[in-house]
Amino acid sequence: MARVKFALSLLCCTIALSLLGGEIAAARQEPAPSVVPLDVEFGKPPAPVDASGRDHLLYEMRLTNHSGARSS
């Protein structure tokens, strides 16, 4: 009787894990790309700058809005 219970438990666990495995695989899929009409470009690599006695990184970032809507 103990072997039957063990076999049924093992079968239930196998079924549960196989169903859960499909859920995990579905969750790992990459999200769809964003449809925001915005381009982001970076110029030169960041350059160290000393300002007010502290070091900062200065970089150039260009944002282009392709939607035609105003942005702020």
N, C-alpha and C. Protein backbone atom coordinates (compact mmCIF):
# COMPACT_ATOMS: atom_id res chain seq x y z
N MET A 1 0.82 -1.19 0.00
CA MET A 1 0.00 0.00 0.00
C MET A 1 0.87 1.26 0.00
N ALA A 2 1.98 1.22 0.76
CA ALA A 2 2.87 2.37 0.82
C ALA A 2 3.48 2.65 -0.55
N ARG A 3 3.77 1.60 -1.31
CA ARG A 3 4.34 1.79 -2.65
C ARG A 3 3.33 2.43 -3.59
N VAL A 4 2.06 2.11 -3.45
CA VAL A 4 1.02 2.70 -4.28
C VAL A 4 0.89 4.19 -3.97
N LYS A 5 0.89 4.54 -2.69
CA LYS A 5 0.82 5.95 -2.30
C LYS A 5 2.04 6.71 -2.82
N PHE A 6 3.21 6.09 -2.71
CA PHE A 6 4.43 6.73 -3.20
C PHE A 6 4.35 6.93 -4.71
N ALA A 7 3.88 5.91 -5.42
CA ALA A 7 3.77 6.01 -6.88
C ALA A 7 2.77 7.09 -7.27
N LEU A 8 1.64 7.17 -6.57
CA LEU A 8 0.66 8.22 -6.86
C LEU A 8 1.22 9.61 -6.54
N SER A 9 1.93 9.73 -5.44
CA SER A 9 2.55 11.01 -5.09
C SER A 9 3.57 11.42 -6.14
N LEU A 10 4.38 10.47 -6.57
CA LEU A 10 5.37 10.74 -7.59
C LEU A 10 4.71 11.16 -8.90
N LEU A 11 3.63 10.50 -9.27
CA LEU A 11 2.90 10.84 -10.49
C LEU A 11 2.32 12.25 -10.39
N CYS A 12 1.72 12.58 -9.25
CA CYS A 12 1.15 13.92 -9.06
C CYS A 12 2.23 14.99 -9.13
N CYS A 13 3.36 14.71 -8.49
CA CYS A 13 4.46 15.68 -8.53
C CYS A 13 4.99 15.88 -9.94
N THR A 14 5.09 14.80 -10.70
CA THR A 14 5.58 14.87 -12.07
C THR A 14 4.63 15.70 -12.93
N ILE A 15 3.33 15.48 -12.77
CA ILE A 15 2.34 16.24 -13.54
C ILE A 15 2.40 17.72 -13.15
N ALA A 16 2.47 18.00 -11.86
CA ALA A 16 2.53 19.38 -11.39
C ALA A 16 3.77 20.09 -11.90
N LEU A 17 4.93 19.41 -11.85
CA LEU A 17 6.15 20.02 -12.34
C LEU A 17 6.12 20.25 -13.84
N SER A 18 5.52 19.34 -14.59
CA SER A 18 5.45 19.53 -16.04
C SER A 18 4.56 20.71 -16.38
N LEU A 19 3.46 20.88 -15.65
CA LEU A 19 2.59 22.03 -15.88
C LEU A 19 3.28 23.32 -15.46
N LEU A 20 3.98 23.29 -14.33
CA LEU A 20 4.69 24.47 -13.84
C LEU A 20 5.84 24.82 -14.77
N GLY A 21 6.48 23.83 -15.35
CA GLY A 21 7.58 24.08 -16.28
C GLY A 21 7.13 24.89 -17.48
N GLY A 22 5.93 24.63 -17.98
CA GLY A 22 5.40 25.41 -19.09
C GLY A 22 5.15 26.84 -18.70
N GLU A 23 4.68 27.06 -17.47
CA GLU A 23 4.45 28.42 -16.98
C GLU A 23 5.77 29.17 -16.84
N ILE A 24 6.79 28.50 -16.34
CA ILE A 24 8.09 29.14 -16.18
C ILE A 24 8.67 29.49 -17.54
N ALA A 25 8.56 28.60 -18.52
CA ALA A 25 9.08 28.89 -19.85
C ALA A 25 8.34 30.07 -20.48
N ALA A 26 7.04 30.15 -20.27
CA ALA A 26 6.27 31.27 -20.82
C ALA A 26 6.68 32.58 -20.16
N ALA A 27 7.00 32.54 -18.88
CA ALA A 27 7.39 33.76 -18.16
C ALA A 27 8.77 34.24 -18.58
N ARG A 28 9.62 33.34 -19.08
CA ARG A 28 10.97 33.72 -19.49
C ARG A 28 11.03 34.35 -20.86
N GLN A 29 9.95 34.35 -21.60
CA GLN A 29 9.97 34.93 -22.94
C GLN A 29 10.23 36.42 -22.85
N GLU A 30 10.94 36.93 -23.84
CA GLU A 30 11.25 38.36 -23.89
C GLU A 30 9.98 39.16 -24.08
N PRO A 31 9.86 40.29 -23.40
CA PRO A 31 8.70 41.14 -23.62
C PRO A 31 8.72 41.75 -25.02
N ALA A 32 7.56 42.13 -25.50
CA ALA A 32 7.47 42.74 -26.82
C ALA A 32 8.22 44.06 -26.81
N PRO A 33 8.84 44.42 -27.93
CA PRO A 33 9.55 45.69 -27.97
C PRO A 33 8.61 46.86 -27.76
N SER A 34 9.14 47.92 -27.20
CA SER A 34 8.35 49.10 -26.92
C SER A 34 7.95 49.78 -28.23
N VAL A 35 6.77 50.33 -28.24
CA VAL A 35 6.30 51.04 -29.43
C VAL A 35 6.35 52.55 -29.21
N VAL A 36 7.14 52.98 -28.25
CA VAL A 36 7.29 54.41 -27.98
C VAL A 36 8.13 55.01 -29.11
N PRO A 37 7.60 56.04 -29.79
CA PRO A 37 8.32 56.63 -30.92
C PRO A 37 9.41 57.59 -30.45
N LEU A 38 10.40 57.06 -29.75
CA LEU A 38 11.46 57.88 -29.19
C LEU A 38 12.80 57.20 -29.47
N ASP A 39 13.71 57.95 -30.05
CA ASP A 39 15.07 57.45 -30.28
C ASP A 39 15.98 58.03 -29.22
N VAL A 40 16.87 57.21 -28.70
CA VAL A 40 17.87 57.67 -27.74
C VAL A 40 19.23 57.33 -28.31
N GLU A 41 20.09 58.34 -28.43
CA GLU A 41 21.45 58.14 -28.93
C GLU A 41 22.44 58.76 -27.96
N PHE A 42 23.55 58.10 -27.78
CA PHE A 42 24.61 58.61 -26.93
C PHE A 42 25.78 58.99 -27.81
N GLY A 43 26.36 60.15 -27.54
CA GLY A 43 27.52 60.62 -28.31
C GLY A 43 28.78 59.92 -27.85
N LYS A 44 29.76 60.72 -27.51
CA LYS A 44 31.04 60.19 -27.06
C LYS A 44 30.89 59.48 -25.71
N PRO A 45 31.84 58.63 -25.34
CA PRO A 45 31.81 58.00 -24.02
C PRO A 45 31.86 59.06 -22.92
N PRO A 46 31.35 58.76 -21.72
CA PRO A 46 31.36 59.75 -20.63
C PRO A 46 32.78 60.23 -20.34
N ALA A 47 32.89 61.53 -20.03
CA ALA A 47 34.18 62.13 -19.71
C ALA A 47 34.15 62.62 -18.26
N PRO A 48 35.21 62.34 -17.49
CA PRO A 48 35.25 62.82 -16.11
C PRO A 48 35.44 64.34 -16.08
N VAL A 49 34.69 65.00 -15.20
CA VAL A 49 34.74 66.45 -15.06
C VAL A 49 34.80 66.78 -13.57
N ASP A 50 35.64 67.75 -13.21
CA ASP A 50 35.72 68.20 -11.82
C ASP A 50 34.86 69.44 -11.69
N ALA A 51 33.84 69.38 -10.84
CA ALA A 51 32.97 70.53 -10.61
C ALA A 51 32.72 70.66 -9.12
N SER A 52 33.00 71.82 -8.59
CA SER A 52 32.81 72.10 -7.16
C SER A 52 33.57 71.11 -6.28
N GLY A 53 34.74 70.74 -6.72
CA GLY A 53 35.58 69.84 -5.92
C GLY A 53 35.15 68.38 -5.96
N ARG A 54 34.18 68.04 -6.80
CA ARG A 54 33.72 66.65 -6.91
C ARG A 54 33.86 66.18 -8.34
N ASP A 55 34.10 64.89 -8.51
CA ASP A 55 34.18 64.32 -9.85
C ASP A 55 32.79 63.92 -10.32
N HIS A 56 32.50 64.24 -11.57
CA HIS A 56 31.23 63.88 -12.21
C HIS A 56 31.54 63.31 -13.58
N LEU A 57 30.59 62.56 -14.13
CA LEU A 57 30.71 62.09 -15.51
C LEU A 57 29.80 62.92 -16.38
N LEU A 58 30.37 63.47 -17.43
CA LEU A 58 29.63 64.29 -18.37
C LEU A 58 29.42 63.47 -19.64
N TYR A 59 28.20 63.40 -20.11
CA TYR A 59 27.93 62.67 -21.34
C TYR A 59 26.86 63.39 -22.14
N GLU A 60 26.81 63.07 -23.40
CA GLU A 60 25.83 63.67 -24.31
C GLU A 60 24.78 62.62 -24.64
N MET A 61 23.53 63.00 -24.52
CA MET A 61 22.44 62.10 -24.86
C MET A 61 21.46 62.88 -25.73
N ARG A 62 21.13 62.31 -26.89
CA ARG A 62 20.17 62.96 -27.79
C ARG A 62 18.88 62.16 -27.79
N LEU A 63 17.77 62.85 -27.58
CA LEU A 63 16.44 62.25 -27.62
C LEU A 63 15.70 62.82 -28.83
N THR A 64 15.12 61.96 -29.63
CA THR A 64 14.35 62.39 -30.79
C THR A 64 12.94 61.84 -30.65
N ASN A 65 11.96 62.74 -30.64
CA ASN A 65 10.56 62.37 -30.50
C ASN A 65 9.96 62.26 -31.90
N HIS A 66 9.55 61.07 -32.30
CA HIS A 66 9.00 60.84 -33.64
C HIS A 66 7.47 60.83 -33.64
N SER A 67 6.84 61.09 -32.51
CA SER A 67 5.38 61.01 -32.44
C SER A 67 4.70 62.29 -32.92
N GLY A 68 5.41 63.40 -32.94
CA GLY A 68 4.78 64.65 -33.30
C GLY A 68 4.14 65.34 -32.12
N ALA A 69 4.00 64.66 -31.00
CA ALA A 69 3.40 65.25 -29.79
C ALA A 69 4.48 66.02 -29.05
N ARG A 70 4.05 67.03 -28.31
CA ARG A 70 4.98 67.81 -27.51
C ARG A 70 5.45 66.97 -26.32
N SER A 71 6.69 67.12 -25.99
CA SER A 71 7.22 66.45 -24.81
C SER A 71 7.92 67.48 -23.94
N SER A 72 8.01 67.18 -22.69
CA SER A 72 8.69 68.14 -21.78
C SER A 72 9.66 67.43 -20.91
